């Protein structure tokens, strides 16, 4: 499903984020930028060692922050590594919003036209999927309502449950 926000398209799709053909994909990173398991592991596996090498030079970063690296052998030219919150660490909603907004700001700073997000912090960090969808989608909608060069923002969800939750959260925002 997609809808128009200002001059941009916001989409929710089901699939493998490492196969997205956007300018950048967003990795749900840890503060040390070690590409371990989950989304990060898939990025390392498909993108190659160059991504981890660059991450190692840029680490550590704080929760809510983001950095950009090469996309290595991925279809996306870049990976934006955003550190989301661990559930129970405190102020999680604001930290997730910041991770989302900082990713978008980096994309604009390097003049990217498209970016794909995963559901940040919902894996081993334990953040509830419904809250993640609400916070990330609202942050993106607010951002796209302002001045941006981004033409397309995609939420690429790996499974049916995640896809359905993000879709149900986006539908009212799009007037569906």
Protein backbone atom coordinates (compact mmCIF):
# COMPACT_ATOMS: atom_id res chain seq x y z
CA UNK A 1 0.00 0.00 0.00
CA UNK A 2 1.15 3.51 -0.69
CA UNK A 3 -0.05 7.03 -0.10
CA UNK A 4 1.13 10.50 -0.97
CA UNK A 5 2.46 12.77 1.76
CA UNK A 6 3.15 16.25 0.39
CA UNK A 7 5.42 15.55 -2.63
CA UNK A 8 6.56 12.12 -1.45
CA UNK A 9 5.25 8.56 -1.61
CA UNK A 10 5.06 6.51 1.60
CA UNK A 11 4.80 2.75 1.08
CA UNK A 12 4.41 -0.35 3.22
CA UNK A 13 5.63 -3.57 1.59
CA UNK A 14 6.38 -7.10 2.73
CA UNK A 15 9.77 -8.54 1.83
CA UNK A 16 13.51 -8.64 2.43
CA UNK A 17 14.96 -5.17 3.05
CA UNK A 18 18.32 -6.28 1.60
CA UNK A 19 16.57 -6.67 -1.77
CA UNK A 20 15.10 -3.16 -1.80
CA UNK A 21 16.15 -0.98 -4.72
CA UNK A 22 16.01 2.31 -2.83
CA UNK A 23 19.04 4.60 -2.55
CA UNK A 24 19.50 3.51 1.08
CA UNK A 25 18.19 0.91 3.49
CA UNK A 26 18.07 1.42 7.25
CA UNK A 27 19.73 -1.10 9.53
CA UNK A 28 18.42 -1.60 13.07
CA UNK A 29 21.86 -1.15 14.62
CA UNK A 30 23.45 -1.51 18.03
CA UNK A 31 25.63 1.22 19.55
CA UNK A 32 28.87 -0.56 18.55
CA UNK A 33 27.61 -0.90 14.94
CA UNK A 34 28.45 -4.62 14.97
CA UNK A 35 26.48 -6.38 12.23
CA UNK A 36 25.38 -9.42 14.22
CA UNK A 37 22.04 -11.16 13.68
CA UNK A 38 18.61 -10.23 12.33
CA UNK A 39 18.49 -7.40 9.78
CA UNK A 40 22.11 -6.47 10.49
CA UNK A 41 23.28 -10.04 9.88
CA UNK A 42 21.43 -10.19 6.58
CA UNK A 43 23.00 -6.86 5.55
CA UNK A 44 26.48 -8.16 6.43
CA UNK A 45 25.89 -11.45 4.64
CA UNK A 46 24.59 -9.92 1.40
CA UNK A 47 26.46 -6.61 1.46
CA UNK A 48 29.94 -7.86 2.26
CA UNK A 49 32.75 -6.93 4.62
CA UNK A 50 33.07 -3.32 3.40
CA UNK A 51 29.96 -2.35 5.37
CA UNK A 52 31.27 -3.73 8.67
CA UNK A 53 34.70 -2.18 8.01
CA UNK A 54 33.15 1.26 7.65
CA UNK A 55 30.88 0.69 10.67
CA UNK A 56 33.89 -0.20 12.80
CA UNK A 57 35.52 3.13 11.94
CA UNK A 58 32.36 5.11 12.84
CA UNK A 59 31.42 3.32 16.08
CA UNK A 60 30.27 3.84 18.71
CA UNK A 61 27.16 5.99 18.34
CA UNK A 62 24.38 6.72 20.81
CA UNK A 63 20.81 5.48 20.99
CA UNK A 64 18.65 7.55 18.64
CA UNK A 65 21.60 8.45 16.44
CA UNK A 66 22.34 7.27 12.90
CA UNK A 67 25.32 7.07 10.52
CA UNK A 68 25.65 6.23 6.84
CA UNK A 69 27.96 3.71 5.19
CA UNK A 70 28.40 2.14 1.81
CA UNK A 71 25.87 -0.43 0.69
CA UNK A 72 28.68 -2.74 -0.41
CA UNK A 73 27.24 -5.44 -2.66
CA UNK A 74 23.60 -4.59 -1.84
CA UNK A 75 21.18 -3.16 -4.40
CA UNK A 76 21.00 -0.02 -2.22
CA UNK A 77 24.00 2.28 -2.59
CA UNK A 78 23.99 3.11 1.14
CA UNK A 79 23.08 1.68 4.53
CA UNK A 80 21.94 4.05 7.25
CA UNK A 81 22.59 2.48 10.64
CA UNK A 82 20.08 3.73 13.22
CA UNK A 83 20.32 2.75 16.88
CA UNK A 84 16.90 2.22 18.38
CA UNK A 85 16.06 1.76 22.05
CA UNK A 86 16.08 -1.38 24.15
CA UNK A 87 12.72 -1.88 25.79
CA UNK A 88 12.93 -0.95 29.47
CA UNK A 89 15.89 1.43 29.05
CA UNK A 90 13.71 4.51 29.52
CA UNK A 91 12.39 7.18 27.15
CA UNK A 92 12.09 4.54 24.41
CA UNK A 93 9.45 6.36 22.33
CA UNK A 94 11.54 9.51 21.96
CA UNK A 95 14.66 7.47 21.18
CA UNK A 96 12.86 5.53 18.43
CA UNK A 97 11.48 8.76 16.99
CA UNK A 98 15.00 10.25 16.99
CA UNK A 99 16.48 7.17 15.27
CA UNK A 100 13.84 7.52 12.55
CA UNK A 101 14.22 11.28 12.11
CA UNK A 102 18.03 11.15 12.13
CA UNK A 103 17.93 8.53 9.37
CA UNK A 104 15.71 10.78 7.25
CA UNK A 105 17.94 13.80 7.91
CA UNK A 106 21.03 11.88 6.80
CA UNK A 107 19.23 10.78 3.62
CA UNK A 108 18.36 14.41 2.86
CA UNK A 109 21.88 15.62 3.72
CA UNK A 110 23.39 13.35 1.06
CA UNK A 111 20.54 14.13 -1.36
CA UNK A 112 19.03 10.66 -1.55
CA UNK A 113 15.65 10.26 -3.25
CA UNK A 114 14.51 7.01 -1.60
CA UNK A 115 14.99 5.08 1.63
CA UNK A 116 13.67 1.79 3.08
CA UNK A 117 13.11 1.23 6.80
CA UNK A 118 12.73 -1.96 8.79
CA UNK A 119 10.85 -2.10 12.12
CA UNK A 120 13.65 -0.71 14.31
CA UNK A 121 14.10 -2.21 17.80
CA UNK A 122 11.40 -4.89 17.45
CA UNK A 123 13.80 -7.83 17.35
CA UNK A 124 16.13 -8.60 20.23
CA UNK A 125 15.63 -5.08 21.65
CA UNK A 126 12.04 -6.10 22.51
CA UNK A 127 10.16 -2.99 21.39
CA UNK A 128 6.43 -3.68 20.79
CA UNK A 129 5.61 -3.87 17.08
CA UNK A 130 2.39 -1.83 17.29
CA UNK A 131 4.12 1.03 19.14
CA UNK A 132 7.01 0.89 16.68
CA UNK A 133 4.65 1.20 13.71
CA UNK A 134 2.80 4.13 15.27
CA UNK A 135 5.93 6.08 16.25
CA UNK A 136 7.96 5.45 13.11
CA UNK A 137 5.08 6.13 10.70
CA UNK A 138 4.09 9.34 12.47
CA UNK A 139 7.70 10.54 12.48
CA UNK A 140 8.03 9.86 8.74
CA UNK A 141 4.68 11.48 7.91
CA UNK A 142 5.59 14.59 9.90
CA UNK A 143 9.01 14.74 8.24
CA UNK A 144 7.61 14.32 4.72
CA UNK A 145 5.06 17.07 5.42
CA UNK A 146 7.95 19.54 5.57
CA UNK A 147 10.70 20.39 3.10
CA UNK A 148 12.54 17.29 1.91
CA UNK A 149 14.16 15.96 -1.22
CA UNK A 150 12.98 12.45 -0.45
CA UNK A 151 10.54 11.22 -3.07
CA UNK A 152 9.88 7.75 -1.66
CA UNK A 153 9.98 6.21 1.82
CA UNK A 154 9.34 2.48 2.16
CA UNK A 155 8.67 0.40 5.24
CA UNK A 156 9.81 -3.09 4.27
CA UNK A 157 8.50 -5.65 6.75
CA UNK A 158 9.77 -9.21 6.78
CA UNK A 159 6.68 -11.13 7.90
CA UNK A 160 2.88 -11.06 7.66
CA UNK A 161 2.35 -9.89 11.25
CA UNK A 162 4.69 -6.90 10.92
CA UNK A 163 3.28 -5.99 7.52
CA UNK A 164 -0.33 -6.16 8.78
CA UNK A 165 0.42 -4.02 11.84
CA UNK A 166 2.20 -1.30 9.82
CA UNK A 167 -0.53 -1.39 7.18
CA UNK A 168 -3.31 -0.98 9.76
CA UNK A 169 -1.43 1.92 11.33
CA UNK A 170 -0.89 3.65 7.98
CA UNK A 171 -4.43 3.25 6.57
CA UNK A 172 -6.08 5.96 8.75
CA UNK A 173 -3.15 8.32 8.09
CA UNK A 174 -3.75 7.94 4.35
CA UNK A 175 -7.50 8.40 4.59
CA UNK A 176 -8.26 4.81 3.62
